[in-house]
Amino acid sequence: MPKFHKRGRGIWFPHIVIEETKEVYFRIESGFPSTMAVTPMMEKYFPSDYKGYIASPECWERLLKEIGTLEH
């Protein structure tokens, strides 16, 4: 089950962690250069076998619906 995190644990952006598939989706609305932070955050806060993605608005909404939250 995906888990939504507003911010925290040193991560500046809302993100959704899917433990089963070892995926982390970030919602970065500000675009570049903020998007450059994904790789360093993944290296620092997640195991090396996890993959980080920047979620499009459509992907983010779909993930939020899957976990049953209206947070943005």
PDB file of N, CA and C in Angstrom:
ATOM      1  N   MET A   1       0.842  -1.180   0.000  1.00  0.00           N
ATOM      2  CA  MET A   1       0.000   0.000   0.000  1.00  0.00           C
ATOM      3  C   MET A   1       0.890   1.248   0.000  1.00  0.00           C
ATOM      4  N   PRO A   2       0.702   2.146  -0.943  1.00  0.00           N
ATOM      5  CA  PRO A   2       1.482   3.390  -0.972  1.00  0.00           C
ATOM      6  C   PRO A   2       1.240   4.225   0.279  1.00  0.00           C
ATOM      7  N   LYS A   3       2.256   4.956   0.688  1.00  0.00           N
ATOM      8  CA  LYS A   3       2.157   5.838   1.859  1.00  0.00           C
ATOM      9  C   LYS A   3       2.476   7.262   1.442  1.00  0.00           C
ATOM     10  N   PHE A   4       1.575   8.187   1.797  1.00  0.00           N
ATOM     11  CA  PHE A   4       1.749   9.599   1.480  1.00  0.00           C
ATOM     12  C   PHE A   4       2.489  10.298   2.609  1.00  0.00           C
ATOM     13  N   HIS A   5       3.445  11.157   2.249  1.00  0.00           N
ATOM     14  CA  HIS A   5       4.188  11.960   3.211  1.00  0.00           C
ATOM     15  C   HIS A   5       4.161  13.408   2.725  1.00  0.00           C
ATOM     16  N   LYS A   6       3.662  14.318   3.560  1.00  0.00           N
ATOM     17  CA  LYS A   6       3.629  15.732   3.151  1.00  0.00           C
ATOM     18  C   LYS A   6       5.035  16.248   2.908  1.00  0.00           C
ATOM     19  N   ARG A   7       5.816  16.229   3.907  1.00  0.00           N
ATOM     20  CA  ARG A   7       7.225  16.619   3.885  1.00  0.00           C
ATOM     21  C   ARG A   7       7.812  16.031   5.141  1.00  0.00           C
ATOM     22  N   GLY A   8       9.095  16.121   5.275  1.00  0.00           N
ATOM     23  CA  GLY A   8       9.694  15.637   6.503  1.00  0.00           C
ATOM     24  C   GLY A   8      10.781  14.629   6.248  1.00  0.00           C
ATOM     25  N   ARG A   9      11.390  14.176   7.333  1.00  0.00           N
ATOM     26  CA  ARG A   9      12.530  13.268   7.247  1.00  0.00           C
ATOM     27  C   ARG A   9      13.631  13.893   6.415  1.00  0.00           C
ATOM     28  N   GLY A  10      13.676  15.221   6.345  1.00  0.00           N
ATOM     29  CA  GLY A  10      14.690  15.893   5.548  1.00  0.00           C
ATOM     30  C   GLY A  10      14.325  16.038   4.084  1.00  0.00           C
ATOM     31  N   ILE A  11      13.167  15.566   3.712  1.00  0.00           N
ATOM     32  CA  ILE A  11      12.730  15.645   2.315  1.00  0.00           C
ATOM     33  C   ILE A  11      11.793  16.842   2.178  1.00  0.00           C
ATOM     34  N   TRP A  12      12.103  17.715   1.238  1.00  0.00           N
ATOM     35  CA  TRP A  12      11.402  18.998   1.124  1.00  0.00           C
ATOM     36  C   TRP A  12      10.093  18.940   0.367  1.00  0.00           C
ATOM     37  N   PHE A  13       9.810  17.848  -0.298  1.00  0.00           N
ATOM     38  CA  PHE A  13       8.645  17.780  -1.185  1.00  0.00           C
ATOM     39  C   PHE A  13       7.669  16.695  -0.737  1.00  0.00           C
ATOM     40  N   PRO A  14       6.375  16.896  -1.023  1.00  0.00           N
ATOM     41  CA  PRO A  14       5.436  15.799  -0.781  1.00  0.00           C
ATOM     42  C   PRO A  14       5.871  14.590  -1.616  1.00  0.00           C
ATOM     43  N   HIS A  15       5.714  13.413  -1.048  1.00  0.00           N
ATOM     44  CA  HIS A  15       6.122  12.219  -1.772  1.00  0.00           C
ATOM     45  C   HIS A  15       5.293  11.016  -1.343  1.00  0.00           C
ATOM     46  N   ILE A  16       5.251  10.053  -2.214  1.00  0.00           N
ATOM     47  CA  ILE A  16       4.523   8.807  -1.966  1.00  0.00           C
ATOM     48  C   ILE A  16       5.516   7.671  -2.116  1.00  0.00           C
ATOM     49  N   VAL A  17       5.574   6.823  -1.100  1.00  0.00           N
ATOM     50  CA  VAL A  17       6.482   5.685  -1.107  1.00  0.00           C
ATOM     51  C   VAL A  17       5.666   4.416  -1.309  1.00  0.00           C
ATOM     52  N   ILE A  18       6.053   3.631  -2.289  1.00  0.00           N
ATOM     53  CA  ILE A  18       5.425   2.331  -2.539  1.00  0.00           C
ATOM     54  C   ILE A  18       6.473   1.273  -2.214  1.00  0.00           C
ATOM     55  N   GLU A  19       6.363   0.721  -1.018  1.00  0.00           N
ATOM     56  CA  GLU A  19       7.361  -0.244  -0.533  1.00  0.00           C
ATOM     57  C   GLU A  19       7.411  -1.498  -1.404  1.00  0.00           C
ATOM     58  N   GLU A  20       6.255  -1.966  -1.862  1.00  0.00           N
ATOM     59  CA  GLU A  20       6.190  -3.224  -2.620  1.00  0.00           C
ATOM     60  C   GLU A  20       7.012  -3.170  -3.908  1.00  0.00           C
ATOM     61  N   THR A  21       6.994  -2.027  -4.575  1.00  0.00           N
ATOM     62  CA  THR A  21       7.717  -1.893  -5.843  1.00  0.00           C
ATOM     63  C   THR A  21       9.009  -1.087  -5.697  1.00  0.00           C
ATOM     64  N   LYS A  22       9.269  -0.631  -4.468  1.00  0.00           N
ATOM     65  CA  LYS A  22      10.465   0.153  -4.159  1.00  0.00           C
ATOM     66  C   LYS A  22      10.543   1.409  -5.033  1.00  0.00           C
ATOM     67  N   GLU A  23       9.414   2.140  -5.052  1.00  0.00           N
ATOM     68  CA  GLU A  23       9.309   3.366  -5.831  1.00  0.00           C
ATOM     69  C   GLU A  23       8.942   4.529  -4.922  1.00  0.00           C
ATOM     70  N   VAL A  24       9.484   5.693  -5.253  1.00  0.00           N
ATOM     71  CA  VAL A  24       9.162   6.919  -4.533  1.00  0.00           C
ATOM     72  C   VAL A  24       8.763   7.956  -5.581  1.00  0.00           C
ATOM     73  N   TYR A  25       7.561   8.498  -5.436  1.00  0.00           N
ATOM     74  CA  TYR A  25       7.069   9.522  -6.354  1.00  0.00           C
ATOM     75  C   TYR A  25       7.054  10.864  -5.641  1.00  0.00           C
ATOM     76  N   PHE A  26       7.695  11.854  -6.246  1.00  0.00           N
ATOM     77  CA  PHE A  26       7.768  13.190  -5.681  1.00  0.00           C
ATOM     78  C   PHE A  26       6.851  14.129  -6.447  1.00  0.00           C
ATOM     79  N   ARG A  27       6.214  15.046  -5.725  1.00  0.00           N
ATOM     80  CA  ARG A  27       5.399  16.089  -6.368  1.00  0.00           C
ATOM     81  C   ARG A  27       6.192  17.376  -6.275  1.00  0.00           C
ATOM     82  N   ILE A  28       6.778  17.784  -7.398  1.00  0.00           N
ATOM     83  CA  ILE A  28       7.593  18.992  -7.446  1.00  0.00           C
ATOM     84  C   ILE A  28       6.969  19.927  -8.466  1.00  0.00           C
ATOM     85  N   GLU A  29       6.150  20.847  -7.972  1.00  0.00           N
ATOM     86  CA  GLU A  29       5.442  21.754  -8.866  1.00  0.00           C
ATOM     87  C   GLU A  29       6.316  22.883  -9.385  1.00  0.00           C
ATOM     88  N   SER A  30       7.379  23.225  -8.670  1.00  0.00           N
ATOM     89  CA  SER A  30       8.198  24.364  -9.054  1.00  0.00           C
ATOM     90  C   SER A  30       9.115  24.073 -10.240  1.00  0.00           C
ATOM     91  N   GLY A  31       9.325  22.816 -10.567  1.00  0.00           N
ATOM     92  CA  GLY A  31      10.160  22.465 -11.710  1.00  0.00           C
ATOM     93  C   GLY A  31      11.639  22.654 -11.450  1.00  0.00           C
ATOM     94  N   PHE A  32      12.374  22.859 -12.531  1.00  0.00           N
ATOM     95  CA  PHE A  32      13.819  23.029 -12.464  1.00  0.00           C
ATOM     96  C   PHE A  32      14.145  24.340 -11.754  1.00  0.00           C
ATOM     97  N   PRO A  33      15.119  24.416 -10.873  1.00  0.00           N
ATOM     98  CA  PRO A  33      16.139  23.432 -10.538  1.00  0.00           C
ATOM     99  C   PRO A  33      15.768  22.520  -9.377  1.00  0.00           C
ATOM    100  N   SER A  34      14.570  22.687  -8.807  1.00  0.00           N
ATOM    101  CA  SER A  34      14.166  21.843  -7.666  1.00  0.00           C
ATOM    102  C   SER A  34      14.214  20.362  -8.009  1.00  0.00           C
ATOM    103  N   THR A  35      13.925  20.035  -9.249  1.00  0.00           N
ATOM    104  CA  THR A  35      13.929  18.630  -9.658  1.00  0.00           C
ATOM    105  C   THR A  35      15.306  17.990  -9.522  1.00  0.00           C
ATOM    106  N   MET A  36      16.340  18.811  -9.507  1.00  0.00           N
ATOM    107  CA  MET A  36      17.708  18.296  -9.366  1.00  0.00           C
ATOM    108  C   MET A  36      17.961  17.695  -7.988  1.00  0.00           C
ATOM    109  N   ALA A  37      17.082  17.948  -7.036  1.00  0.00           N
ATOM    110  CA  ALA A  37      17.255  17.441  -5.672  1.00  0.00           C
ATOM    111  C   ALA A  37      16.845  15.980  -5.518  1.00  0.00           C
ATOM    112  N   VAL A  38      16.144  15.427  -6.490  1.00  0.00           N
ATOM    113  CA  VAL A  38      15.625  14.060  -6.350  1.00  0.00           C
ATOM    114  C   VAL A  38      16.755  13.044  -6.162  1.00  0.00           C
ATOM    115  N   THR A  39      17.741  13.062  -7.004  1.00  0.00           N
ATOM    116  CA  THR A  39      18.822  12.073  -6.900  1.00  0.00           C
ATOM    117  C   THR A  39      19.546  12.149  -5.555  1.00  0.00           C
ATOM    118  N   PRO A  40      19.969  13.342  -5.099  1.00  0.00           N
ATOM    119  CA  PRO A  40      20.615  13.390  -3.780  1.00  0.00           C
ATOM    120  C   PRO A  40      19.701  12.937  -2.637  1.00  0.00           C
ATOM    121  N   MET A  41      18.405  13.260  -2.710  1.00  0.00           N
ATOM    122  CA  MET A  41      17.476  12.815  -1.655  1.00  0.00           C
ATOM    123  C   MET A  41      17.325  11.300  -1.675  1.00  0.00           C
ATOM    124  N   MET A  42      17.240  10.727  -2.862  1.00  0.00           N
ATOM    125  CA  MET A  42      17.126   9.274  -2.961  1.00  0.00           C
ATOM    126  C   MET A  42      18.361   8.600  -2.371  1.00  0.00           C
ATOM    127  N   GLU A  43      19.525   9.122  -2.693  1.00  0.00           N
ATOM    128  CA  GLU A  43      20.768   8.540  -2.187  1.00  0.00           C
ATOM    129  C   GLU A  43      20.881   8.656  -0.676  1.00  0.00           C
ATOM    130  N   LYS A  44      20.378   9.747  -0.126  1.00  0.00           N
ATOM    131  CA  LYS A  44      20.513   9.987   1.306  1.00  0.00           C
ATOM    132  C   LYS A  44      19.448   9.284   2.144  1.00  0.00           C
ATOM    133  N   TYR A  45      18.213   9.237   1.678  1.00  0.00           N
ATOM    134  CA  TYR A  45      17.103   8.806   2.520  1.00  0.00           C
ATOM    135  C   TYR A  45      16.485   7.458   2.173  1.00  0.00           C
ATOM    136  N   PHE A  46      16.876   6.860   1.055  1.00  0.00           N
ATOM    137  CA  PHE A  46      16.264   5.592   0.658  1.00  0.00           C
ATOM    138  C   PHE A  46      17.337   4.573   0.307  1.00  0.00           C
ATOM    139  N   PRO A  47      17.015   3.287   0.456  1.00  0.00           N
ATOM    140  CA  PRO A  47      17.973   2.248   0.068  1.00  0.00           C
ATOM    141  C   PRO A  47      18.307   2.363  -1.425  1.00  0.00           C
ATOM    142  N   SER A  48      19.454   1.860  -1.808  1.00  0.00           N
ATOM    143  CA  SER A  48      19.933   2.008  -3.186  1.00  0.00           C
ATOM    144  C   SER A  48      19.064   1.297  -4.223  1.00  0.00           C
ATOM    145  N   ASP A  49      18.252   0.327  -3.790  1.00  0.00           N
ATOM    146  CA  ASP A  49      17.410  -0.372  -4.762  1.00  0.00           C
ATOM    147  C   ASP A  49      16.062   0.311  -4.980  1.00  0.00           C
ATOM    148  N   TYR A  50      15.833   1.466  -4.348  1.00  0.00           N
ATOM    149  CA  TYR A  50      14.606   2.236  -4.580  1.00  0.00           C
ATOM    150  C   TYR A  50      14.826   3.180  -5.756  1.00  0.00           C
ATOM    151  N   LYS A  51      13.762   3.414  -6.523  1.00  0.00           N
ATOM    152  CA  LYS A  51      13.820   4.337  -7.660  1.00  0.00           C
ATOM    153  C   LYS A  51      12.962   5.559  -7.351  1.00  0.00           C
ATOM    154  N   GLY A  52      13.457   6.726  -7.729  1.00  0.00           N
ATOM    155  CA  GLY A  52      12.728   7.966  -7.512  1.00  0.00           C
ATOM    156  C   GLY A  52      12.179   8.514  -8.815  1.00  0.00           C
ATOM    157  N   TYR A  53      10.945   9.021  -8.757  1.00  0.00           N
ATOM    158  CA  TYR A  53      10.280   9.571  -9.932  1.00  0.00           C
ATOM    159  C   TYR A  53       9.662  10.919  -9.586  1.00  0.00           C
ATOM    160  N   ILE A  54       9.599  11.793 -10.566  1.00  0.00           N
ATOM    161  CA  ILE A  54       8.863  13.050 -10.414  1.00  0.00           C
ATOM    162  C   ILE A  54       7.506  12.807 -11.048  1.00  0.00           C
ATOM    163  N   ALA A  55       6.474  12.875 -10.234  1.00  0.00           N
ATOM    164  CA  ALA A  55       5.123  12.550 -10.691  1.00  0.00           C
ATOM    165  C   ALA A  55       4.510  13.708 -11.476  1.00  0.00           C
ATOM    166  N   SER A  56       3.925  13.384 -12.615  1.00  0.00           N
ATOM    167  CA  SER A  56       3.149  14.374 -13.361  1.00  0.00           C
ATOM    168  C   SER A  56       1.874  14.658 -12.555  1.00  0.00           C
ATOM    169  N   PRO A  57       1.183  15.752 -12.863  1.00  0.00           N
ATOM    170  CA  PRO A  57      -0.072  16.020 -12.133  1.00  0.00           C
ATOM    171  C   PRO A  57      -1.059  14.853 -12.227  1.00  0.00           C
ATOM    172  N   GLU A  58      -1.147  14.231 -13.399  1.00  0.00           N
ATOM    173  CA  GLU A  58      -2.077  13.110 -13.579  1.00  0.00           C
ATOM    174  C   GLU A  58      -1.655  11.898 -12.748  1.00  0.00           C
ATOM    175  N   CYS A  59      -0.371  11.601 -12.765  1.00  0.00           N
ATOM    176  CA  CYS A  59       0.149  10.476 -11.982  1.00  0.00           C
ATOM    177  C   CYS A  59      -0.074  10.717 -10.493  1.00  0.00           C
ATOM    178  N   TRP A  60       0.205  11.926 -10.026  1.00  0.00           N
ATOM    179  CA  TRP A  60       0.046  12.275  -8.614  1.00  0.00           C
ATOM    180  C   TRP A  60      -1.401  12.095  -8.172  1.00  0.00           C
ATOM    181  N   GLU A  61      -2.339  12.590  -8.972  1.00  0.00           N
ATOM    182  CA  GLU A  61      -3.764  12.441  -8.638  1.00  0.00           C
ATOM    183  C   GLU A  61      -4.165  10.971  -8.577  1.00  0.00           C
ATOM    184  N   ARG A  62      -3.681  10.188  -9.527  1.00  0.00           N
ATOM    185  CA  ARG A  62      -3.994   8.750  -9.540  1.00  0.00           C
ATOM    186  C   ARG A  62      -3.464   8.072  -8.282  1.00  0.00           C
ATOM    187  N   LEU A  63      -2.229   8.395  -7.898  1.00  0.00           N
ATOM    188  CA  LEU A  63      -1.646   7.800  -6.699  1.00  0.00           C
ATOM    189  C   LEU A  63      -2.412   8.213  -5.446  1.00  0.00           C
ATOM    190  N   LEU A  64      -2.803   9.480  -5.366  1.00  0.00           N
ATOM    191  CA  LEU A  64      -3.576   9.941  -4.213  1.00  0.00           C
ATOM    192  C   LEU A  64      -4.910   9.208  -4.118  1.00  0.00           C
ATOM    193  N   LYS A  65      -5.538   8.988  -5.257  1.00  0.00           N
ATOM    194  CA  LYS A  65      -6.816   8.247  -5.256  1.00  0.00           C
ATOM    195  C   LYS A  65      -6.590   6.808  -4.785  1.00  0.00           C
ATOM    196  N   GLU A  66      -5.481   6.198  -5.203  1.00  0.00           N
ATOM    197  CA  GLU A  66      -5.175   4.822  -4.804  1.00  0.00           C
ATOM    198  C   GLU A  66      -5.041   4.693  -3.296  1.00  0.00           C
ATOM    199  N   ILE A  67      -4.456   5.705  -2.661  1.00  0.00           N
ATOM    200  CA  ILE A  67      -4.259   5.609  -1.205  1.00  0.00           C
ATOM    201  C   ILE A  67      -5.394   6.280  -0.435  1.00  0.00           C
ATOM    202  N   GLY A  68      -6.341   6.865  -1.148  1.00  0.00           N
ATOM    203  CA  GLY A  68      -7.533   7.403  -0.497  1.00  0.00           C
ATOM    204  C   GLY A  68      -7.318   8.688   0.278  1.00  0.00           C
ATOM    205  N   THR A  69      -6.465   9.559  -0.231  1.00  0.00           N
ATOM    206  CA  THR A  69      -6.273  10.842   0.428  1.00  0.00           C
ATOM    207  C   THR A  69      -6.536  11.968  -0.560  1.00  0.00           C
ATOM    208  N   LEU A  70      -6.940  13.106  -0.042  1.00  0.00           N
ATOM    209  CA  LEU A  70      -7.183  14.270  -0.874  1.00  0.00           C
ATOM    210  C   LEU A  70      -6.060  15.284  -0.720  1.00  0.00           C
ATOM    211  N   GLU A  71      -4.976  14.916  -0.026  1.00  0.00           N
ATOM    212  CA  GLU A  71      -3.841  15.815   0.183  1.00  0.00           C
ATOM    213  C   GLU A  71      -3.192  16.150  -1.159  1.00  0.00           C
ATOM    214  N   HIS A  72      -2.606  17.324  -1.231  1.00  0.00           N
ATOM    215  CA  HIS A  72      -1.892  17.734  -2.467  1.00  0.00           C
ATOM    216  C   HIS A  72      -0.536  18.216  -2.141  1.00  0.00           C
TER     217      HIS A  72
END
